[in-house]
Every structure is written in structure tokens, then in C-alpha cells.
């Protein structure tokens, strides 16, 4: 779920438009080139009882690059460098890598991390008070509904329903828009000795002797 959420945010913040009636999103995409800040995340069951809380930092550089770093209660680092998606779990000494490619990524990870235009994948409805509802057009997307809250030209909150009664609420805090971000935040090299799942990019393969 964590990687799906991060990928969703990456696409939402990297695309130039969503759908008719979402003029505020159009403005946000047109005026936002980079974004960084903190986030809090809460996962609740069908009864509204919170089962998981986490927090961390994020940075986004359009198009298609982001870092999503969970700090508490345990670490996980998700980095999209524009070509590949990296998920590093220090507690497991494990890195997963896959191309950000429509032919090889799975849904909904593919949809949310890639460059596919969301209009073809979501029905978008304005609900008032800054909220938008996004309903996946594909029944097997892994998400039944996504809700966004817009304040001014920014996205303040996301709520994701997974279709199994679980809701994930993400609040984006201390946002810095269009600030300078180091390119290193969107690069990742597996630490020595970790297990790597997936094919490493050619540039990262060891040279033959």
C-alpha cells in the first residue's frame, strides 16, 4: 500500500490536468514545478479505527521524479528517478526496482507511477469545499476511490479507499512550492550488501573484467 500511495501522489503532482470541472487542479499543475514538505499518514479500518500511523518527508520534481521517505515508525524509502521506481526497506536489507513503464509495471502501481494521462483512468467529480473524488475506471485497480482536498493552489489532503474497507489518509504539511531541490534527492544507488529484487538499470551493472 505504501508504494501505491507514493506513486499515486507522484502522478497527481506530475500531470498537467485531470478532468473537466477540476480547474483548481489544472492551475496547481500549471503553476507547481517542485514541491516538498512533511506528511502524516493514517490507515483506518471500515469502522474508522486507526491501525497504522506513519510520517516522513517528501519531495517532487515534475515530471515523474519524487522521493517519499517514511521515518516513523520504521524506515522505507521510495524514489522515482524518471525511469525507474526504487523501494528500499532498510530493516529487510532489501531493494526492489522496476521500470516506470506501462508494459511492465502492475496496476495500480503502473497507473500511479507512470505518465499515463489520468483522464483515461479516473472519473473526476468535484464535491465542494475543495474536495475532488477520483473513481478508477478499471475495476481491478486496487483502489475503489480517491479523494483530494485542494486549498488555494495546493493539495492539502488525500484519502484513499482500497475496496476492502481500509482508508488511508495523508496530510501534506509544511509545503514548499517551486523551491530549488537537489537532483540527488531523486537518485538512488542500492547500498552494498542489500538484496536487490528486479533488474538493475544497465548503467548500474558491474563492468565485465
Protein backbone atom coordinates (compact mmCIF):
# COMPACT_ATOMS: atom_id res chain seq x y z
CA UNK A 1 0.00 0.00 0.00
CA UNK A 2 2.83 2.44 0.81
CA UNK A 3 4.33 2.24 -2.67
CA UNK A 4 0.90 2.59 -4.29
CA UNK A 5 0.19 5.71 -2.26
CA UNK A 6 3.50 7.29 -3.11
CA UNK A 7 3.07 6.52 -6.79
CA UNK A 8 -0.42 7.99 -6.76
CA UNK A 9 0.84 11.27 -5.34
CA UNK A 10 3.63 11.36 -7.89
CA UNK A 11 1.19 11.14 -10.77
CA UNK A 12 -1.25 13.59 -9.23
CA UNK A 13 1.54 16.12 -8.85
CA UNK A 14 3.22 15.45 -12.19
CA UNK A 15 0.34 15.68 -14.68
CA UNK A 16 -0.83 18.93 -16.28
CA UNK A 17 -4.60 18.34 -15.95
CA UNK A 18 -7.17 15.85 -14.74
CA UNK A 19 -10.70 16.37 -15.96
CA UNK A 20 -13.47 18.83 -16.75
CA UNK A 21 -14.60 20.76 -13.68
CA UNK A 22 -11.20 20.44 -11.95
CA UNK A 23 -9.91 23.91 -12.77
CA UNK A 24 -8.16 24.20 -9.41
CA UNK A 25 -6.09 21.11 -10.20
CA UNK A 26 -5.29 22.48 -13.64
CA UNK A 27 -3.98 25.64 -12.02
CA UNK A 28 -2.00 23.67 -9.48
CA UNK A 29 -0.30 21.59 -12.16
CA UNK A 30 0.36 24.63 -14.33
CA UNK A 31 1.98 26.59 -11.51
CA UNK A 32 3.73 23.89 -9.49
CA UNK A 33 7.09 22.56 -10.70
CA UNK A 34 8.56 21.30 -7.45
CA UNK A 35 7.03 20.53 -4.09
CA UNK A 36 8.47 19.34 -0.80
CA UNK A 37 7.44 19.05 2.82
CA UNK A 38 6.35 16.59 5.50
CA UNK A 39 3.48 14.13 5.57
CA UNK A 40 1.47 12.18 8.10
CA UNK A 41 -0.35 9.00 7.15
CA UNK A 42 -3.11 7.14 8.97
CA UNK A 43 -4.67 3.83 7.93
CA UNK A 44 -8.14 3.07 9.32
CA UNK A 45 -10.41 0.03 9.05
CA UNK A 46 -14.06 0.00 8.00
CA UNK A 47 -15.09 1.08 11.50
CA UNK A 48 -12.82 4.11 11.41
CA UNK A 49 -10.35 2.61 13.87
CA UNK A 50 -6.75 3.63 13.13
CA UNK A 51 -4.49 0.60 12.71
CA UNK A 52 -1.31 2.24 11.43
CA UNK A 53 0.25 5.69 11.74
CA UNK A 54 3.40 6.86 10.00
CA UNK A 55 5.16 10.06 8.99
CA UNK A 56 8.03 11.29 6.92
CA UNK A 57 9.22 13.69 4.25
CA UNK A 58 8.53 14.02 0.53
CA UNK A 59 9.88 15.87 -2.49
CA UNK A 60 8.53 16.03 -6.03
CA UNK A 61 10.01 17.39 -9.22
CA UNK A 62 7.81 17.33 -12.31
CA UNK A 63 7.62 15.38 -14.44
CA UNK A 64 7.93 11.93 -12.93
CA UNK A 65 10.55 12.31 -10.20
CA UNK A 66 9.84 12.03 -6.49
CA UNK A 67 11.17 10.80 -3.16
CA UNK A 68 8.86 9.55 -0.43
CA UNK A 69 10.66 8.80 2.82
CA UNK A 70 8.94 7.14 5.76
CA UNK A 71 10.77 7.96 9.01
CA UNK A 72 8.37 6.70 11.71
CA UNK A 73 7.55 4.12 12.97
CA UNK A 74 10.05 2.41 10.64
CA UNK A 75 12.03 3.48 7.60
CA UNK A 76 11.14 2.97 3.97
CA UNK A 77 12.45 4.99 1.05
CA UNK A 78 10.66 5.21 -2.30
CA UNK A 79 12.42 7.04 -5.14
CA UNK A 80 11.29 7.60 -8.72
CA UNK A 81 14.12 8.87 -10.92
CA UNK A 82 12.01 9.35 -14.04
CA UNK A 83 12.85 5.94 -15.45
CA UNK A 84 12.82 3.52 -12.51
CA UNK A 85 10.98 3.15 -9.22
CA UNK A 86 13.10 2.12 -6.22
CA UNK A 87 11.73 0.85 -2.90
CA UNK A 88 14.36 0.47 -0.17
CA UNK A 89 13.49 -1.21 3.14
CA UNK A 90 16.49 -0.91 5.49
CA UNK A 91 15.04 -3.28 8.11
CA UNK A 92 14.91 -6.04 5.50
CA UNK A 93 18.18 -5.11 3.74
CA UNK A 94 16.15 -5.19 0.55
CA UNK A 95 15.68 -3.01 -2.53
CA UNK A 96 13.00 -3.51 -5.16
CA UNK A 97 13.45 -1.83 -8.56
CA UNK A 98 11.24 -1.79 -11.61
CA UNK A 99 10.92 0.32 -14.73
CA UNK A 100 8.32 3.07 -14.76
CA UNK A 101 6.88 1.51 -17.89
CA UNK A 102 3.29 0.83 -18.89
CA UNK A 103 4.16 -2.61 -20.25
CA UNK A 104 5.96 -3.94 -17.19
CA UNK A 105 4.50 -2.25 -14.10
CA UNK A 106 1.40 -3.62 -12.43
CA UNK A 107 -1.87 -1.81 -11.80
CA UNK A 108 -2.48 0.37 -9.87
CA UNK A 109 1.24 0.96 -9.36
CA UNK A 110 1.66 1.41 -13.10
CA UNK A 111 -1.14 3.94 -13.33
CA UNK A 112 0.02 5.96 -10.38
CA UNK A 113 3.78 5.98 -11.03
CA UNK A 114 3.79 6.27 -14.80
CA UNK A 115 2.96 9.00 -17.26
CA UNK A 116 -0.47 7.75 -18.35
CA UNK A 117 -2.95 10.59 -18.51
CA UNK A 118 -5.34 10.20 -15.51
CA UNK A 119 -8.38 11.33 -17.50
CA UNK A 120 -8.31 7.93 -19.20
CA UNK A 121 -8.18 6.13 -15.87
CA UNK A 122 -10.27 8.13 -13.42
CA UNK A 123 -13.69 9.68 -13.32
CA UNK A 124 -13.23 13.02 -11.55
CA UNK A 125 -16.11 14.75 -9.73
CA UNK A 126 -15.98 17.98 -7.73
CA UNK A 127 -17.67 17.59 -4.34
CA UNK A 128 -17.44 21.11 -2.97
CA UNK A 129 -15.35 22.70 -0.22
CA UNK A 130 -12.21 21.94 -2.21
CA UNK A 131 -12.77 18.17 -2.39
CA UNK A 132 -12.49 16.12 -5.58
CA UNK A 133 -13.48 12.47 -5.92
CA UNK A 134 -11.48 10.25 -8.28
CA UNK A 135 -13.04 6.90 -9.16
CA UNK A 136 -10.83 4.42 -11.07
CA UNK A 137 -12.36 3.29 -14.34
CA UNK A 138 -10.60 -0.07 -14.03
CA UNK A 139 -12.28 -2.35 -11.52
CA UNK A 140 -9.02 -4.17 -10.70
CA UNK A 141 -7.00 -1.03 -9.93
CA UNK A 142 -6.65 -1.87 -6.22
CA UNK A 143 -8.34 1.38 -5.20
CA UNK A 144 -12.09 1.95 -5.09
CA UNK A 145 -11.94 5.72 -4.61
CA UNK A 146 -9.53 8.60 -4.04
CA UNK A 147 -10.49 11.96 -2.56
CA UNK A 148 -8.35 15.10 -2.70
CA UNK A 149 -8.72 18.33 -0.79
CA UNK A 150 -7.47 21.46 -2.51
CA UNK A 151 -6.69 24.63 -0.59
CA UNK A 152 -5.77 27.58 -2.80
CA UNK A 153 -3.44 26.13 -5.41
CA UNK A 154 -2.21 23.27 -3.21
CA UNK A 155 -3.22 19.71 -2.33
CA UNK A 156 -3.67 19.54 1.44
CA UNK A 157 -5.06 16.05 2.00
CA UNK A 158 -5.66 12.74 0.23
CA UNK A 159 -7.96 9.91 1.27
CA UNK A 160 -7.69 6.51 -0.43
CA UNK A 161 -10.17 3.63 -0.15
CA UNK A 162 -8.74 0.25 -1.10
CA UNK A 163 -12.04 -1.54 -1.70
CA UNK A 164 -11.51 -3.82 1.31
CA UNK A 165 -12.81 -1.36 3.88
CA UNK A 166 -9.46 0.26 4.55
CA UNK A 167 -8.96 4.02 4.21
CA UNK A 168 -5.58 5.76 4.10
CA UNK A 169 -5.49 9.45 4.99
CA UNK A 170 -2.44 11.51 4.03
CA UNK A 171 -1.90 15.11 5.08
CA UNK A 172 0.81 17.16 3.35
CA UNK A 173 2.41 19.64 5.77
CA UNK A 174 4.95 22.49 5.68
CA UNK A 175 4.80 22.56 1.89
CA UNK A 176 7.46 24.44 -0.07
CA UNK A 177 6.37 25.03 -3.65
CA UNK A 178 8.73 25.75 -6.57
CA UNK A 179 11.83 25.80 -4.41
CA UNK A 180 15.21 24.54 -5.57
CA UNK A 181 15.62 20.79 -5.00
CA UNK A 182 18.87 18.87 -5.35
CA UNK A 183 18.91 16.30 -8.16
CA UNK A 184 20.41 13.84 -5.65
CA UNK A 185 17.04 13.57 -3.91
CA UNK A 186 15.74 11.77 -6.99
CA UNK A 187 18.65 9.39 -7.46
CA UNK A 188 19.16 6.05 -5.76
CA UNK A 189 22.03 3.56 -5.59
CA UNK A 190 21.49 0.32 -3.65
CA UNK A 191 23.70 0.16 -0.54
CA UNK A 192 26.39 -2.53 -0.60
CA UNK A 193 25.22 -5.95 0.51
CA UNK A 194 21.47 -5.48 0.19
CA UNK A 195 19.27 -7.90 -1.73
CA UNK A 196 18.03 -6.40 -4.99
CA UNK A 197 14.75 -7.61 -6.43
CA UNK A 198 14.31 -6.72 -10.08
CA UNK A 199 16.70 -5.89 -12.89
CA UNK A 200 19.17 -3.09 -12.21
CA UNK A 201 19.48 -0.40 -14.89
CA UNK A 202 22.35 -1.13 -17.27
CA UNK A 203 24.36 1.83 -16.06
CA UNK A 204 24.41 0.28 -12.58
CA UNK A 205 25.54 -3.19 -13.59
CA UNK A 206 29.17 -4.03 -12.72
CA UNK A 207 31.58 -3.76 -15.62
CA UNK A 208 32.93 -7.02 -17.02
CA UNK A 209 36.60 -7.63 -16.33
